[in-house]
Amino acid sequence: MTKSEFVDQVAAESKLSKGDAGDAVDAVLQVIEDTLKRGGEISFTGFGKFSVADRGARQGVNPQTGERIQIAASRVPRFSAGSALKKAVKGG
């Protein structure tokens, strides 16, 4: 599903105009991004949790040359699904 299709479905479900639904989706995504940039986390009970994890520096291998490379430490976004979402997906 593309963002445009997602906005269309949000508009249909919420009875908002496509423009308003697009603005709402953009606002939600921006709030999630801003919160994660600050190192915070967002929890939606039953749906899941967005958080930031630290990934340590490690050795890697360049697949083309076989040469060992050093991969720098980084911060990465994580999402863990909540129980209600897991049940919904599992149940089909």
N, C-alpha and C. Protein backbone atom coordinates (compact mmCIF):
# COMPACT_ATOMS: atom_id res chain seq x y z
N MET A 1 0.85 -1.17 0.00
CA MET A 1 0.00 0.00 0.00
C MET A 1 0.90 1.23 0.00
N THR A 2 0.58 2.16 -0.86
CA THR A 2 1.34 3.41 -0.91
C THR A 2 0.74 4.42 0.06
N LYS A 3 1.47 5.51 0.29
CA LYS A 3 0.96 6.55 1.19
C LYS A 3 -0.35 7.12 0.65
N SER A 4 -0.43 7.29 -0.65
CA SER A 4 -1.64 7.84 -1.28
C SER A 4 -2.84 6.91 -1.04
N GLU A 5 -2.64 5.62 -1.18
CA GLU A 5 -3.71 4.66 -0.92
C GLU A 5 -4.10 4.67 0.56
N PHE A 6 -3.08 4.79 1.41
CA PHE A 6 -3.33 4.86 2.85
C PHE A 6 -4.18 6.08 3.19
N VAL A 7 -3.83 7.23 2.63
CA VAL A 7 -4.59 8.47 2.87
C VAL A 7 -6.03 8.30 2.39
N ASP A 8 -6.21 7.66 1.23
CA ASP A 8 -7.56 7.42 0.71
C ASP A 8 -8.39 6.58 1.69
N GLN A 9 -7.78 5.54 2.26
CA GLN A 9 -8.50 4.69 3.20
C GLN A 9 -8.80 5.42 4.51
N VAL A 10 -7.85 6.24 4.97
CA VAL A 10 -8.09 7.04 6.19
C VAL A 10 -9.25 8.00 5.94
N ALA A 11 -9.27 8.62 4.77
CA ALA A 11 -10.34 9.54 4.43
C ALA A 11 -11.69 8.82 4.43
N ALA A 12 -11.74 7.63 3.87
CA ALA A 12 -12.98 6.87 3.80
C ALA A 12 -13.44 6.44 5.20
N GLU A 13 -12.51 5.95 6.03
CA GLU A 13 -12.86 5.47 7.37
C GLU A 13 -13.28 6.60 8.30
N SER A 14 -12.64 7.76 8.18
CA SER A 14 -12.89 8.86 9.11
C SER A 14 -13.89 9.88 8.58
N LYS A 15 -14.30 9.70 7.34
CA LYS A 15 -15.22 10.64 6.68
C LYS A 15 -14.63 12.05 6.60
N LEU A 16 -13.30 12.12 6.49
CA LEU A 16 -12.62 13.39 6.25
C LEU A 16 -12.39 13.55 4.75
N SER A 17 -12.13 14.78 4.33
CA SER A 17 -11.76 14.98 2.93
C SER A 17 -10.37 14.39 2.73
N LYS A 18 -10.01 14.11 1.50
CA LYS A 18 -8.69 13.54 1.23
C LYS A 18 -7.59 14.50 1.67
N GLY A 19 -7.82 15.79 1.50
CA GLY A 19 -6.84 16.79 1.93
C GLY A 19 -6.64 16.79 3.43
N ASP A 20 -7.75 16.75 4.17
CA ASP A 20 -7.67 16.72 5.63
C ASP A 20 -7.03 15.41 6.12
N ALA A 21 -7.39 14.30 5.49
CA ALA A 21 -6.81 13.01 5.86
C ALA A 21 -5.30 13.01 5.58
N GLY A 22 -4.90 13.60 4.47
CA GLY A 22 -3.48 13.69 4.13
C GLY A 22 -2.73 14.52 5.16
N ASP A 23 -3.33 15.63 5.57
CA ASP A 23 -2.71 16.48 6.60
C ASP A 23 -2.59 15.73 7.92
N ALA A 24 -3.64 14.97 8.27
CA ALA A 24 -3.62 14.21 9.52
C ALA A 24 -2.53 13.13 9.49
N VAL A 25 -2.43 12.41 8.39
CA VAL A 25 -1.41 11.36 8.26
C VAL A 25 -0.01 11.99 8.34
N ASP A 26 0.19 13.10 7.63
CA ASP A 26 1.49 13.79 7.67
C ASP A 26 1.82 14.24 9.09
N ALA A 27 0.82 14.75 9.81
CA ALA A 27 1.04 15.23 11.19
C ALA A 27 1.42 14.06 12.10
N VAL A 28 0.75 12.93 11.98
CA VAL A 28 1.06 11.76 12.81
C VAL A 28 2.49 11.29 12.54
N LEU A 29 2.84 11.18 11.27
CA LEU A 29 4.19 10.73 10.92
C LEU A 29 5.25 11.71 11.42
N GLN A 30 4.97 13.01 11.35
CA GLN A 30 5.92 14.02 11.81
C GLN A 30 6.11 13.95 13.32
N VAL A 31 5.03 13.75 14.06
CA VAL A 31 5.12 13.65 15.52
C VAL A 31 5.94 12.41 15.90
N ILE A 32 5.70 11.29 15.23
CA ILE A 32 6.47 10.07 15.50
C ILE A 32 7.95 10.32 15.22
N GLU A 33 8.25 10.93 14.07
CA GLU A 33 9.64 11.21 13.70
C GLU A 33 10.31 12.14 14.71
N ASP A 34 9.64 13.22 15.09
CA ASP A 34 10.21 14.18 16.04
C ASP A 34 10.46 13.55 17.40
N THR A 35 9.52 12.72 17.86
CA THR A 35 9.68 12.05 19.15
C THR A 35 10.86 11.09 19.13
N LEU A 36 11.00 10.33 18.06
CA LEU A 36 12.12 9.38 17.96
C LEU A 36 13.46 10.11 17.83
N LYS A 37 13.47 11.24 17.14
CA LYS A 37 14.71 12.04 17.04
C LYS A 37 15.21 12.45 18.41
N ARG A 38 14.28 12.76 19.31
CA ARG A 38 14.64 13.17 20.67
C ARG A 38 14.96 11.98 21.56
N GLY A 39 14.83 10.76 21.04
CA GLY A 39 15.12 9.56 21.82
C GLY A 39 13.94 9.05 22.61
N GLY A 40 12.77 9.61 22.39
CA GLY A 40 11.57 9.17 23.12
C GLY A 40 10.94 7.95 22.50
N GLU A 41 9.84 7.53 23.08
CA GLU A 41 9.09 6.41 22.51
C GLU A 41 7.61 6.73 22.53
N ILE A 42 6.88 6.07 21.64
CA ILE A 42 5.44 6.27 21.52
C ILE A 42 4.78 4.91 21.62
N SER A 43 3.80 4.77 22.53
CA SER A 43 3.08 3.52 22.71
C SER A 43 1.61 3.71 22.40
N PHE A 44 1.09 2.83 21.57
CA PHE A 44 -0.34 2.77 21.30
C PHE A 44 -0.81 1.43 21.86
N THR A 45 -1.53 1.45 22.95
CA THR A 45 -1.95 0.23 23.62
C THR A 45 -2.66 -0.70 22.64
N GLY A 46 -2.19 -1.93 22.59
CA GLY A 46 -2.76 -2.94 21.70
C GLY A 46 -2.20 -2.92 20.30
N PHE A 47 -1.74 -1.75 19.83
CA PHE A 47 -1.21 -1.63 18.48
C PHE A 47 0.28 -1.89 18.45
N GLY A 48 1.05 -1.14 19.27
CA GLY A 48 2.48 -1.34 19.29
C GLY A 48 3.23 -0.15 19.86
N LYS A 49 4.56 -0.26 19.80
CA LYS A 49 5.40 0.77 20.38
C LYS A 49 6.53 1.12 19.42
N PHE A 50 6.71 2.42 19.18
CA PHE A 50 7.83 2.94 18.41
C PHE A 50 8.90 3.38 19.40
N SER A 51 10.15 2.99 19.17
CA SER A 51 11.23 3.37 20.07
C SER A 51 12.52 3.50 19.28
N VAL A 52 13.58 3.93 19.98
CA VAL A 52 14.90 4.07 19.38
C VAL A 52 15.84 3.10 20.08
N ALA A 53 16.66 2.40 19.30
CA ALA A 53 17.63 1.47 19.86
C ALA A 53 19.03 1.87 19.41
N ASP A 54 20.00 1.63 20.28
CA ASP A 54 21.39 1.88 19.92
C ASP A 54 21.97 0.60 19.34
N ARG A 55 22.58 0.72 18.19
CA ARG A 55 23.24 -0.42 17.55
C ARG A 55 24.74 -0.17 17.66
N GLY A 56 25.44 -1.06 18.28
CA GLY A 56 26.86 -0.89 18.52
C GLY A 56 27.71 -1.02 17.26
N ALA A 57 28.94 -0.52 17.36
CA ALA A 57 29.89 -0.66 16.26
C ALA A 57 30.21 -2.15 16.10
N ARG A 58 30.48 -2.56 14.87
CA ARG A 58 30.76 -3.97 14.62
C ARG A 58 31.58 -4.15 13.36
N GLN A 59 32.14 -5.33 13.23
CA GLN A 59 32.90 -5.68 12.03
C GLN A 59 31.94 -6.22 10.98
N GLY A 60 32.18 -5.85 9.75
CA GLY A 60 31.38 -6.36 8.64
C GLY A 60 32.29 -6.83 7.53
N VAL A 61 31.71 -7.38 6.49
CA VAL A 61 32.49 -7.85 5.34
C VAL A 61 31.86 -7.29 4.08
N ASN A 62 32.70 -6.67 3.25
CA ASN A 62 32.24 -6.18 1.95
C ASN A 62 31.97 -7.42 1.08
N PRO A 63 30.72 -7.64 0.64
CA PRO A 63 30.40 -8.86 -0.09
C PRO A 63 31.08 -8.94 -1.47
N GLN A 64 31.45 -7.80 -2.05
CA GLN A 64 32.08 -7.82 -3.37
C GLN A 64 33.56 -8.17 -3.29
N THR A 65 34.24 -7.66 -2.25
CA THR A 65 35.69 -7.85 -2.17
C THR A 65 36.10 -8.82 -1.07
N GLY A 66 35.21 -9.09 -0.14
CA GLY A 66 35.56 -9.94 1.00
C GLY A 66 36.36 -9.21 2.06
N GLU A 67 36.62 -7.92 1.83
CA GLU A 67 37.41 -7.10 2.75
C GLU A 67 36.61 -6.81 4.03
N ARG A 68 37.30 -6.89 5.17
CA ARG A 68 36.67 -6.56 6.45
C ARG A 68 36.54 -5.05 6.55
N ILE A 69 35.37 -4.61 7.05
CA ILE A 69 35.14 -3.17 7.24
C ILE A 69 34.59 -2.95 8.64
N GLN A 70 34.78 -1.74 9.15
CA GLN A 70 34.25 -1.36 10.45
C GLN A 70 32.94 -0.62 10.21
N ILE A 71 31.87 -1.09 10.83
CA ILE A 71 30.56 -0.44 10.73
C ILE A 71 30.37 0.38 12.01
N ALA A 72 30.11 1.67 11.83
CA ALA A 72 30.00 2.59 12.97
C ALA A 72 28.74 2.32 13.78
N ALA A 73 28.77 2.72 15.03
CA ALA A 73 27.59 2.64 15.90
C ALA A 73 26.52 3.59 15.36
N SER A 74 25.27 3.26 15.60
CA SER A 74 24.19 4.12 15.12
C SER A 74 22.95 3.94 16.00
N ARG A 75 22.02 4.87 15.82
CA ARG A 75 20.72 4.77 16.49
C ARG A 75 19.71 4.42 15.41
N VAL A 76 18.84 3.46 15.70
CA VAL A 76 17.88 3.00 14.70
C VAL A 76 16.47 2.98 15.29
N PRO A 77 15.46 3.27 14.45
CA PRO A 77 14.08 3.19 14.92
C PRO A 77 13.65 1.72 15.02
N ARG A 78 12.79 1.44 16.00
CA ARG A 78 12.25 0.09 16.18
C ARG A 78 10.74 0.18 16.35
N PHE A 79 10.07 -0.87 15.95
CA PHE A 79 8.64 -1.00 16.19
C PHE A 79 8.37 -2.39 16.72
N SER A 80 7.68 -2.49 17.84
CA SER A 80 7.25 -3.79 18.34
C SER A 80 5.73 -3.82 18.34
N ALA A 81 5.19 -4.83 17.71
CA ALA A 81 3.74 -4.95 17.57
C ALA A 81 3.10 -5.31 18.91
N GLY A 82 1.94 -4.74 19.17
CA GLY A 82 1.18 -5.04 20.37
C GLY A 82 0.34 -6.30 20.20
N SER A 83 -0.20 -6.79 21.29
CA SER A 83 -0.94 -8.06 21.27
C SER A 83 -2.18 -8.02 20.36
N ALA A 84 -2.92 -6.92 20.38
CA ALA A 84 -4.13 -6.85 19.54
C ALA A 84 -3.77 -6.88 18.06
N LEU A 85 -2.69 -6.19 17.66
CA LEU A 85 -2.25 -6.20 16.27
C LEU A 85 -1.78 -7.59 15.87
N LYS A 86 -1.03 -8.24 16.75
CA LYS A 86 -0.56 -9.61 16.46
C LYS A 86 -1.73 -10.56 16.26
N LYS A 87 -2.75 -10.45 17.14
CA LYS A 87 -3.92 -11.31 17.02
C LYS A 87 -4.68 -11.04 15.72
N ALA A 88 -4.82 -9.76 15.35
CA ALA A 88 -5.53 -9.40 14.14
C ALA A 88 -4.83 -9.96 12.90
N VAL A 89 -3.52 -9.87 12.87
CA VAL A 89 -2.77 -10.36 11.72
C VAL A 89 -2.79 -11.89 11.68
N LYS A 90 -2.63 -12.50 12.83
CA LYS A 90 -2.61 -13.97 12.91
C LYS A 90 -3.95 -14.56 12.51
N GLY A 91 -5.04 -13.90 12.94
CA GLY A 91 -6.37 -14.39 12.65
C GLY A 91 -6.80 -14.22 11.21
N GLY A 92 -6.08 -13.36 10.48
CA GLY A 92 -6.40 -13.16 9.07
C GLY A 92 -7.50 -12.20 8.95
